[in-house]
Amino acid sequence: MDYKTLMDVAILAGKIMLESNAETYRVEDTMNHILKTSKFETTEAFAIATGLVATLDDPSLEDPITIVNRINVRDTNLNNIASVNTISRQLTSDEITISEAYTALQTIGKVQYKPIHKDIATSALAASFALLLGGGLFEILAAGINGALLALILKGEKKLDMGSFVRNVLSSAVISVGAGLMQMFIFPTLMISVVITGTIMPLVPGTAITNAIRDTLQGDYMSGGAKALEAFVTALSIALGVAIGLVLIGGVLF
């Protein structure tokens, strides 16, 4: 067995899962299942919100193998998590080899949808939330337009490689200004609160909050607390951006 490649498989699987916003206990469980296929005496995997550590040790080895990997980027992608789980199960059940698992993991994260499809989905999501929040035809239309604006903003911010706090503040401010301008010049009777709330929903850290609770209930208080703090900071940045946007358009009241 190529133990170096096995370690690479475990680390890459954990990295993809953490970057896709998986729970840390799930990441550790997946990595441990992969490492245990070595049949070594010691197989350990440790994950926190910002990093991974994996170790293999056995009397047959001259020195233990340990790899540390830092995680800098996190974005929710349930498809990536499901794909890693599938590959992990196939590897542990001997359906695929280590090299095949490593190759399969390297293909995860490639472009799954065309950018235009993601932009349309963002716009439709904003419009759908406006409908759920009780908005009428004008609110749904305005939220759809604002959602398209949000998609364009996120594209530009991604190219500029902004931090998540700055990105959320700027995005929320721009969509608030957009909603206010539509109320001023296009839809005078527009319920601006519905439009803004519907448009910021794609930015709301719902998955982070859920994972923080699940990690905490699993006894992983460090990761649970870190994710809870991340969710709080994200929510704060969105609220700050909306407030800035409303001030910029002259303090339009809900």
C-alpha atoms as a PDB file:
ATOM      1  CA  MET A   1       0.000   0.000   0.000  1.00  0.00           C
ATOM      2  CA  ASP A   2       1.199   3.516  -0.851  1.00  0.00           C
ATOM      3  CA  TYR A   3       0.849   5.119   2.577  1.00  0.00           C
ATOM      4  CA  LYS A   4       1.993   8.545   1.402  1.00  0.00           C
ATOM      5  CA  THR A   5      -0.796   8.623  -1.179  1.00  0.00           C
ATOM      6  CA  LEU A   6      -3.249   7.362   1.456  1.00  0.00           C
ATOM      7  CA  MET A   7      -2.340  10.339   3.647  1.00  0.00           C
ATOM      8  CA  ASP A   8      -2.766  12.653   0.673  1.00  0.00           C
ATOM      9  CA  VAL A   9      -6.215  11.150   0.046  1.00  0.00           C
ATOM     10  CA  ALA A  10      -7.272  11.669   3.680  1.00  0.00           C
ATOM     11  CA  ILE A  11      -5.977  15.244   3.796  1.00  0.00           C
ATOM     12  CA  LEU A  12      -7.520  16.162   0.437  1.00  0.00           C
ATOM     13  CA  ALA A  13     -10.868  14.647   1.454  1.00  0.00           C
ATOM     14  CA  GLY A  14     -10.839  16.615   4.708  1.00  0.00           C
ATOM     15  CA  LYS A  15      -9.760  19.806   2.951  1.00  0.00           C
ATOM     16  CA  ILE A  16     -12.590  19.606   0.412  1.00  0.00           C
ATOM     17  CA  MET A  17     -15.145  18.928   3.133  1.00  0.00           C
ATOM     18  CA  LEU A  18     -13.987  21.764   5.399  1.00  0.00           C
ATOM     19  CA  GLU A  19     -13.841  24.200   2.495  1.00  0.00           C
ATOM     20  CA  SER A  20     -17.395  23.111   1.623  1.00  0.00           C
ATOM     21  CA  ASN A  21     -18.559  23.938   5.191  1.00  0.00           C
ATOM     22  CA  ALA A  22     -18.979  20.380   6.479  1.00  0.00           C
ATOM     23  CA  GLU A  23     -19.213  19.722  10.216  1.00  0.00           C
ATOM     24  CA  THR A  24     -15.801  19.049  11.765  1.00  0.00           C
ATOM     25  CA  TYR A  25     -16.925  15.798  13.370  1.00  0.00           C
ATOM     26  CA  ARG A  26     -18.017  14.552   9.943  1.00  0.00           C
ATOM     27  CA  VAL A  27     -14.641  15.563   8.487  1.00  0.00           C
ATOM     28  CA  GLU A  28     -12.750  13.697  11.199  1.00  0.00           C
ATOM     29  CA  ASP A  29     -14.954  10.625  10.796  1.00  0.00           C
ATOM     30  CA  THR A  30     -14.380  10.511   7.025  1.00  0.00           C
ATOM     31  CA  MET A  31     -10.616  10.976   7.385  1.00  0.00           C
ATOM     32  CA  ASN A  32     -10.374   8.304  10.078  1.00  0.00           C
ATOM     33  CA  HIS A  33     -12.237   5.787   7.930  1.00  0.00           C
ATOM     34  CA  ILE A  34      -9.790   6.446   5.088  1.00  0.00           C
ATOM     35  CA  LEU A  35      -6.706   6.210   7.339  1.00  0.00           C
ATOM     36  CA  LYS A  36      -7.881   2.971   8.970  1.00  0.00           C
ATOM     37  CA  THR A  37      -7.643   1.170   5.628  1.00  0.00           C
ATOM     38  CA  SER A  38      -3.875   1.167   6.297  1.00  0.00           C
ATOM     39  CA  LYS A  39      -4.405  -1.270   9.241  1.00  0.00           C
ATOM     40  CA  PHE A  40      -1.767   0.693  11.155  1.00  0.00           C
ATOM     41  CA  GLU A  41      -1.584   0.740  14.935  1.00  0.00           C
ATOM     42  CA  THR A  42      -2.097   4.520  15.150  1.00  0.00           C
ATOM     43  CA  THR A  43      -4.382   6.477  12.834  1.00  0.00           C
ATOM     44  CA  GLU A  44      -5.441   9.917  13.978  1.00  0.00           C
ATOM     45  CA  ALA A  45      -7.291  12.782  12.294  1.00  0.00           C
ATOM     46  CA  PHE A  46      -7.951  16.151  13.884  1.00  0.00           C
ATOM     47  CA  ALA A  47      -9.987  18.939  12.319  1.00  0.00           C
ATOM     48  CA  ILE A  48     -10.904  22.451  13.377  1.00  0.00           C
ATOM     49  CA  ALA A  49     -12.571  25.180  11.362  1.00  0.00           C
ATOM     50  CA  THR A  50      -9.241  26.483  10.032  1.00  0.00           C
ATOM     51  CA  GLY A  51      -6.993  23.438   9.791  1.00  0.00           C
ATOM     52  CA  LEU A  52      -6.385  19.682   9.554  1.00  0.00           C
ATOM     53  CA  VAL A  53      -3.876  17.295  11.100  1.00  0.00           C
ATOM     54  CA  ALA A  54      -3.520  13.612  10.161  1.00  0.00           C
ATOM     55  CA  THR A  55      -1.060  11.013  11.488  1.00  0.00           C
ATOM     56  CA  LEU A  56      -0.123   7.444  10.598  1.00  0.00           C
ATOM     57  CA  ASP A  57       2.202   5.431  12.833  1.00  0.00           C
ATOM     58  CA  ASP A  58       3.101   1.786  13.128  1.00  0.00           C
ATOM     59  CA  PRO A  59       6.070  -0.339  14.315  1.00  0.00           C
ATOM     60  CA  SER A  60       6.666  -1.249  10.670  1.00  0.00           C
ATOM     61  CA  LEU A  61       7.455   2.408   9.856  1.00  0.00           C
ATOM     62  CA  GLU A  62      10.765   4.057  10.605  1.00  0.00           C
ATOM     63  CA  ASP A  63       9.074   7.382  11.359  1.00  0.00           C
ATOM     64  CA  PRO A  64       5.432   8.412  11.770  1.00  0.00           C
ATOM     65  CA  ILE A  65       3.787  10.255   8.882  1.00  0.00           C
ATOM     66  CA  THR A  66       2.105  13.525   9.870  1.00  0.00           C
ATOM     67  CA  ILE A  67       0.586  16.168   7.610  1.00  0.00           C
ATOM     68  CA  VAL A  68      -0.790  19.571   8.625  1.00  0.00           C
ATOM     69  CA  ASN A  69      -2.997  21.571   6.267  1.00  0.00           C
ATOM     70  CA  ARG A  70      -4.432  25.034   6.856  1.00  0.00           C
ATOM     71  CA  ILE A  71      -7.884  25.936   5.544  1.00  0.00           C
ATOM     72  CA  ASN A  72      -8.280  29.533   4.380  1.00  0.00           C
ATOM     73  CA  VAL A  73     -11.439  29.405   2.265  1.00  0.00           C
ATOM     74  CA  ARG A  74     -14.905  28.177   3.254  1.00  0.00           C
ATOM     75  CA  ASP A  75     -18.046  28.180   1.156  1.00  0.00           C
ATOM     76  CA  THR A  76     -21.118  25.969   1.391  1.00  0.00           C
ATOM     77  CA  ASN A  77     -21.167  23.198  -1.217  1.00  0.00           C
ATOM     78  CA  LEU A  78     -23.222  20.160  -0.218  1.00  0.00           C
ATOM     79  CA  ASN A  79     -22.511  18.446  -3.532  1.00  0.00           C
ATOM     80  CA  ASN A  80     -18.786  18.375  -2.768  1.00  0.00           C
ATOM     81  CA  ILE A  81     -19.442  16.902   0.677  1.00  0.00           C
ATOM     82  CA  ALA A  82     -21.653  14.169  -0.779  1.00  0.00           C
ATOM     83  CA  SER A  83     -19.054  13.378  -3.454  1.00  0.00           C
ATOM     84  CA  VAL A  84     -16.274  13.001  -0.872  1.00  0.00           C
ATOM     85  CA  ASN A  85     -18.472  10.724   1.245  1.00  0.00           C
ATOM     86  CA  THR A  86     -19.188   8.537  -1.784  1.00  0.00           C
ATOM     87  CA  ILE A  87     -15.494   8.228  -2.679  1.00  0.00           C
ATOM     88  CA  SER A  88     -14.623   7.476   0.948  1.00  0.00           C
ATOM     89  CA  ARG A  89     -17.172   4.654   1.119  1.00  0.00           C
ATOM     90  CA  GLN A  90     -15.941   3.208  -2.175  1.00  0.00           C
ATOM     91  CA  LEU A  91     -12.340   3.257  -0.922  1.00  0.00           C
ATOM     92  CA  THR A  92     -13.088   1.657   2.455  1.00  0.00           C
ATOM     93  CA  SER A  93     -15.160  -1.074   0.805  1.00  0.00           C
ATOM     94  CA  ASP A  94     -12.320  -1.822  -1.681  1.00  0.00           C
ATOM     95  CA  GLU A  95     -14.410  -0.792  -4.681  1.00  0.00           C
ATOM     96  CA  ILE A  96     -11.643   1.572  -5.821  1.00  0.00           C
ATOM     97  CA  THR A  97      -7.904   1.817  -5.214  1.00  0.00           C
ATOM     98  CA  ILE A  98      -6.060   4.584  -3.366  1.00  0.00           C
ATOM     99  CA  SER A  99      -4.777   6.123  -6.593  1.00  0.00           C
ATOM    100  CA  GLU A 100      -8.277   6.040  -8.098  1.00  0.00           C
ATOM    101  CA  ALA A 101      -9.684   7.710  -4.977  1.00  0.00           C
ATOM    102  CA  TYR A 102      -7.018  10.434  -5.157  1.00  0.00           C
ATOM    103  CA  THR A 103      -7.762  11.072  -8.832  1.00  0.00           C
ATOM    104  CA  ALA A 104     -11.509  11.195  -8.132  1.00  0.00           C
ATOM    105  CA  LEU A 105     -11.013  13.682  -5.286  1.00  0.00           C
ATOM    106  CA  GLN A 106      -8.903  15.925  -7.501  1.00  0.00           C
ATOM    107  CA  THR A 107     -11.785  16.238  -9.962  1.00  0.00           C
ATOM    108  CA  ILE A 108     -14.175  17.441  -7.240  1.00  0.00           C
ATOM    109  CA  GLY A 109     -14.712  21.174  -7.262  1.00  0.00           C
ATOM    110  CA  LYS A 110     -14.397  21.567 -10.989  1.00  0.00           C
ATOM    111  CA  VAL A 111     -17.057  23.782 -12.590  1.00  0.00           C
ATOM    112  CA  GLN A 112     -20.434  22.152 -11.957  1.00  0.00           C
ATOM    113  CA  TYR A 113     -22.676  24.850 -13.363  1.00  0.00           C
ATOM    114  CA  LYS A 114     -22.175  27.639 -15.840  1.00  0.00           C
ATOM    115  CA  PRO A 115     -21.742  31.094 -14.259  1.00  0.00           C
ATOM    116  CA  ILE A 116     -24.886  32.370 -15.983  1.00  0.00           C
ATOM    117  CA  HIS A 117     -26.908  29.572 -14.399  1.00  0.00           C
ATOM    118  CA  LYS A 118     -25.630  30.549 -10.931  1.00  0.00           C
ATOM    119  CA  ASP A 119     -26.518  34.186 -11.605  1.00  0.00           C
ATOM    120  CA  ILE A 120     -30.039  33.251 -12.686  1.00  0.00           C
ATOM    121  CA  ALA A 121     -30.421  31.058  -9.594  1.00  0.00           C
ATOM    122  CA  THR A 122     -29.334  33.926  -7.305  1.00  0.00           C
ATOM    123  CA  SER A 123     -31.859  36.251  -8.919  1.00  0.00           C
ATOM    124  CA  ALA A 124     -34.634  33.642  -8.703  1.00  0.00           C
ATOM    125  CA  LEU A 125     -33.777  32.912  -5.066  1.00  0.00           C
ATOM    126  CA  ALA A 126     -34.092  36.565  -4.100  1.00  0.00           C
ATOM    127  CA  ALA A 127     -37.428  36.846  -5.937  1.00  0.00           C
ATOM    128  CA  SER A 128     -38.700  33.658  -4.263  1.00  0.00           C
ATOM    129  CA  PHE A 129     -37.884  34.943  -0.786  1.00  0.00           C
ATOM    130  CA  ALA A 130     -39.665  38.197  -1.567  1.00  0.00           C
ATOM    131  CA  LEU A 131     -42.747  36.135  -2.403  1.00  0.00           C
ATOM    132  CA  LEU A 132     -42.434  34.107   0.802  1.00  0.00           C
ATOM    133  CA  LEU A 133     -42.139  37.321   2.828  1.00  0.00           C
ATOM    134  CA  GLY A 134     -45.491  38.513   1.501  1.00  0.00           C
ATOM    135  CA  GLY A 135     -44.316  40.748  -1.303  1.00  0.00           C
ATOM    136  CA  GLY A 136     -46.469  41.552  -4.298  1.00  0.00           C
ATOM    137  CA  LEU A 137     -45.592  41.607  -7.967  1.00  0.00           C
ATOM    138  CA  PHE A 138     -43.472  44.756  -7.691  1.00  0.00           C
ATOM    139  CA  GLU A 139     -41.512  43.386  -4.720  1.00  0.00           C
ATOM    140  CA  ILE A 140     -40.857  40.072  -6.508  1.00  0.00           C
ATOM    141  CA  LEU A 141     -39.696  41.867  -9.645  1.00  0.00           C
ATOM    142  CA  ALA A 142     -37.518  44.296  -7.704  1.00  0.00           C
ATOM    143  CA  ALA A 143     -35.971  41.499  -5.642  1.00  0.00           C
ATOM    144  CA  GLY A 144     -35.193  39.591  -8.848  1.00  0.00           C
ATOM    145  CA  ILE A 145     -33.443  42.633 -10.285  1.00  0.00           C
ATOM    146  CA  ASN A 146     -31.596  43.179  -7.031  1.00  0.00           C
ATOM    147  CA  GLY A 147     -30.612  39.496  -6.979  1.00  0.00           C
ATOM    148  CA  ALA A 148     -29.053  39.883 -10.421  1.00  0.00           C
ATOM    149  CA  LEU A 149     -27.207  42.938  -9.107  1.00  0.00           C
ATOM    150  CA  LEU A 150     -25.973  40.893  -6.141  1.00  0.00           C
ATOM    151  CA  ALA A 151     -24.671  38.189  -8.494  1.00  0.00           C
ATOM    152  CA  LEU A 152     -22.694  40.789 -10.443  1.00  0.00           C
ATOM    153  CA  ILE A 153     -21.276  42.287  -7.254  1.00  0.00           C
ATOM    154  CA  LEU A 154     -20.142  38.889  -5.953  1.00  0.00           C
ATOM    155  CA  LYS A 155     -18.394  38.205  -9.251  1.00  0.00           C
ATOM    156  CA  GLY A 156     -16.449  41.446  -9.056  1.00  0.00           C
ATOM    157  CA  GLU A 157     -15.580  40.986  -5.394  1.00  0.00           C
ATOM    158  CA  LYS A 158     -14.322  37.454  -6.056  1.00  0.00           C
ATOM    159  CA  LYS A 159     -11.883  38.788  -8.650  1.00  0.00           C
ATOM    160  CA  LEU A 160     -10.676  41.433  -6.201  1.00  0.00           C
ATOM    161  CA  ASP A 161     -10.183  38.717  -3.532  1.00  0.00           C
ATOM    162  CA  MET A 162     -11.808  40.695  -0.716  1.00  0.00           C
ATOM    163  CA  GLY A 163     -12.210  39.324   2.795  1.00  0.00           C
ATOM    164  CA  SER A 164     -15.598  37.896   3.692  1.00  0.00           C
ATOM    165  CA  PHE A 165     -16.454  40.757   6.089  1.00  0.00           C
ATOM    166  CA  VAL A 166     -15.728  43.477   3.531  1.00  0.00           C
ATOM    167  CA  ARG A 167     -17.472  41.465   0.812  1.00  0.00           C
ATOM    168  CA  ASN A 168     -20.672  41.116   2.846  1.00  0.00           C
ATOM    169  CA  VAL A 169     -20.686  44.764   3.897  1.00  0.00           C
ATOM    170  CA  LEU A 170     -20.209  45.987   0.339  1.00  0.00           C
ATOM    171  CA  SER A 171     -22.757  43.551  -1.129  1.00  0.00           C
ATOM    172  CA  SER A 172     -25.415  44.438   1.442  1.00  0.00           C
ATOM    173  CA  ALA A 173     -24.799  48.162   1.012  1.00  0.00           C
ATOM    174  CA  VAL A 174     -25.108  48.015  -2.780  1.00  0.00           C
ATOM    175  CA  ILE A 175     -28.321  45.962  -2.792  1.00  0.00           C
ATOM    176  CA  SER A 176     -29.814  48.311  -0.186  1.00  0.00           C
ATOM    177  CA  VAL A 177     -28.990  51.269  -2.389  1.00  0.00           C
ATOM    178  CA  GLY A 178     -30.427  49.414  -5.386  1.00  0.00           C
ATOM    179  CA  ALA A 179     -33.685  48.726  -3.554  1.00  0.00           C
ATOM    180  CA  GLY A 180     -33.912  52.334  -2.435  1.00  0.00           C
ATOM    181  CA  LEU A 181     -33.328  53.697  -5.942  1.00  0.00           C
ATOM    182  CA  MET A 182     -36.013  51.401  -7.360  1.00  0.00           C
ATOM    183  CA  GLN A 183     -38.442  52.712  -4.764  1.00  0.00           C
ATOM    184  CA  MET A 184     -37.563  56.296  -5.589  1.00  0.00           C
ATOM    185  CA  PHE A 185     -37.647  56.139  -9.378  1.00  0.00           C
ATOM    186  CA  ILE A 186     -39.433  52.976 -10.562  1.00  0.00           C
ATOM    187  CA  PHE A 187     -41.812  51.496  -7.962  1.00  0.00           C
ATOM    188  CA  PRO A 188     -43.028  54.255  -5.624  1.00  0.00           C
ATOM    189  CA  THR A 189     -45.189  51.877  -3.567  1.00  0.00           C
ATOM    190  CA  LEU A 190     -42.418  49.309  -3.178  1.00  0.00           C
ATOM    191  CA  MET A 191     -42.009  47.665   0.254  1.00  0.00           C
ATOM    192  CA  ILE A 192     -38.268  48.155   0.498  1.00  0.00           C
ATOM    193  CA  SER A 193     -37.937  45.956   3.594  1.00  0.00           C
ATOM    194  CA  VAL A 194     -39.235  42.917   1.699  1.00  0.00           C
ATOM    195  CA  VAL A 195     -36.908  43.557  -1.250  1.00  0.00           C
ATOM    196  CA  ILE A 196     -33.809  44.006   0.897  1.00  0.00           C
ATOM    197  CA  THR A 197     -34.584  41.030   3.128  1.00  0.00           C
ATOM    198  CA  GLY A 198     -35.262  38.791   0.151  1.00  0.00           C
ATOM    199  CA  THR A 199     -32.041  39.839  -1.575  1.00  0.00           C
ATOM    200  CA  ILE A 200     -29.741  39.363   1.412  1.00  0.00           C
ATOM    201  CA  MET A 201     -30.992  35.827   2.063  1.00  0.00           C
ATOM    202  CA  PRO A 202     -28.293  34.248  -0.181  1.00  0.00           C
ATOM    203  CA  LEU A 203     -25.720  35.885   2.123  1.00  0.00           C
ATOM    204  CA  VAL A 204     -27.260  34.724   5.415  1.00  0.00           C
ATOM    205  CA  PRO A 205     -25.008  32.164   7.210  1.00  0.00           C
ATOM    206  CA  GLY A 206     -27.706  29.540   7.806  1.00  0.00           C
ATOM    207  CA  THR A 207     -25.403  26.557   7.248  1.00  0.00           C
ATOM    208  CA  ALA A 208     -22.736  27.984   9.547  1.00  0.00           C
ATOM    209  CA  ILE A 209     -25.260  28.376  12.358  1.00  0.00           C
ATOM    210  CA  THR A 210     -26.566  24.830  11.862  1.00  0.00           C
ATOM    211  CA  ASN A 211     -23.048  23.357  11.807  1.00  0.00           C
ATOM    212  CA  ALA A 212     -22.081  25.330  14.908  1.00  0.00           C
ATOM    213  CA  ILE A 213     -24.983  23.775  16.806  1.00  0.00           C
ATOM    214  CA  ARG A 214     -24.254  20.267  15.497  1.00  0.00           C
ATOM    215  CA  ASP A 215     -20.536  20.472  16.341  1.00  0.00           C
ATOM    216  CA  THR A 216     -21.356  21.769  19.819  1.00  0.00           C
ATOM    217  CA  LEU A 217     -23.846  18.951  20.441  1.00  0.00           C
ATOM    218  CA  GLN A 218     -21.155  16.476  19.320  1.00  0.00           C
ATOM    219  CA  GLY A 219     -18.866  17.857  22.037  1.00  0.00           C
ATOM    220  CA  ASP A 220     -16.557  19.726  19.661  1.00  0.00           C
ATOM    221  CA  TYR A 221     -16.811  23.038  21.484  1.00  0.00           C
ATOM    222  CA  MET A 222     -13.808  24.678  19.821  1.00  0.00           C
ATOM    223  CA  SER A 223     -15.134  24.225  16.278  1.00  0.00           C
ATOM    224  CA  GLY A 224     -18.709  24.895  17.375  1.00  0.00           C
ATOM    225  CA  GLY A 225     -17.703  28.155  19.010  1.00  0.00           C
ATOM    226  CA  ALA A 226     -15.579  29.200  16.041  1.00  0.00           C
ATOM    227  CA  LYS A 227     -18.414  28.601  13.588  1.00  0.00           C
ATOM    228  CA  ALA A 228     -20.912  30.367  15.850  1.00  0.00           C
ATOM    229  CA  LEU A 229     -18.590  33.377  15.977  1.00  0.00           C
ATOM    230  CA  GLU A 230     -18.164  33.237  12.194  1.00  0.00           C
ATOM    231  CA  ALA A 231     -21.952  33.215  11.744  1.00  0.00           C
ATOM    232  CA  PHE A 232     -22.306  36.181  14.134  1.00  0.00           C
ATOM    233  CA  VAL A 233     -19.638  38.218  12.317  1.00  0.00           C
ATOM    234  CA  THR A 234     -21.261  37.436   8.958  1.00  0.00           C
ATOM    235  CA  ALA A 235     -24.677  38.516  10.229  1.00  0.00           C
ATOM    236  CA  LEU A 236     -23.126  41.664  11.694  1.00  0.00           C
ATOM    237  CA  SER A 237     -21.433  42.523   8.385  1.00  0.00           C
ATOM    238  CA  ILE A 238     -24.728  42.097   6.506  1.00  0.00           C
ATOM    239  CA  ALA A 239     -26.584  44.301   8.984  1.00  0.00           C
ATOM    240  CA  LEU A 240     -23.836  46.925   8.814  1.00  0.00           C
ATOM    241  CA  GLY A 241     -23.929  46.908   5.019  1.00  0.00           C
ATOM    242  CA  VAL A 242     -27.713  47.350   4.935  1.00  0.00           C
ATOM    243  CA  ALA A 243     -27.473  50.251   7.389  1.00  0.00           C
ATOM    244  CA  ILE A 244     -24.767  51.930   5.301  1.00  0.00           C
ATOM    245  CA  GLY A 245     -26.853  51.474   2.160  1.00  0.00           C
ATOM    246  CA  LEU A 246     -29.925  53.053   3.728  1.00  0.00           C
ATOM    247  CA  VAL A 247     -27.861  56.010   4.936  1.00  0.00           C
ATOM    248  CA  LEU A 248     -26.419  56.492   1.458  1.00  0.00           C
ATOM    249  CA  ILE A 249     -29.861  56.708  -0.127  1.00  0.00           C
ATOM    250  CA  GLY A 250     -30.993  59.277   2.387  1.00  0.00           C
ATOM    251  CA  GLY A 251     -32.273  57.134   5.231  1.00  0.00           C
ATOM    252  CA  VAL A 252     -35.272  55.641   3.446  1.00  0.00           C
ATOM    253  CA  LEU A 253     -37.571  54.233   6.112  1.00  0.00           C
ATOM    254  CA  PHE A 254     -39.232  50.854   5.981  1.00  0.00           C
END
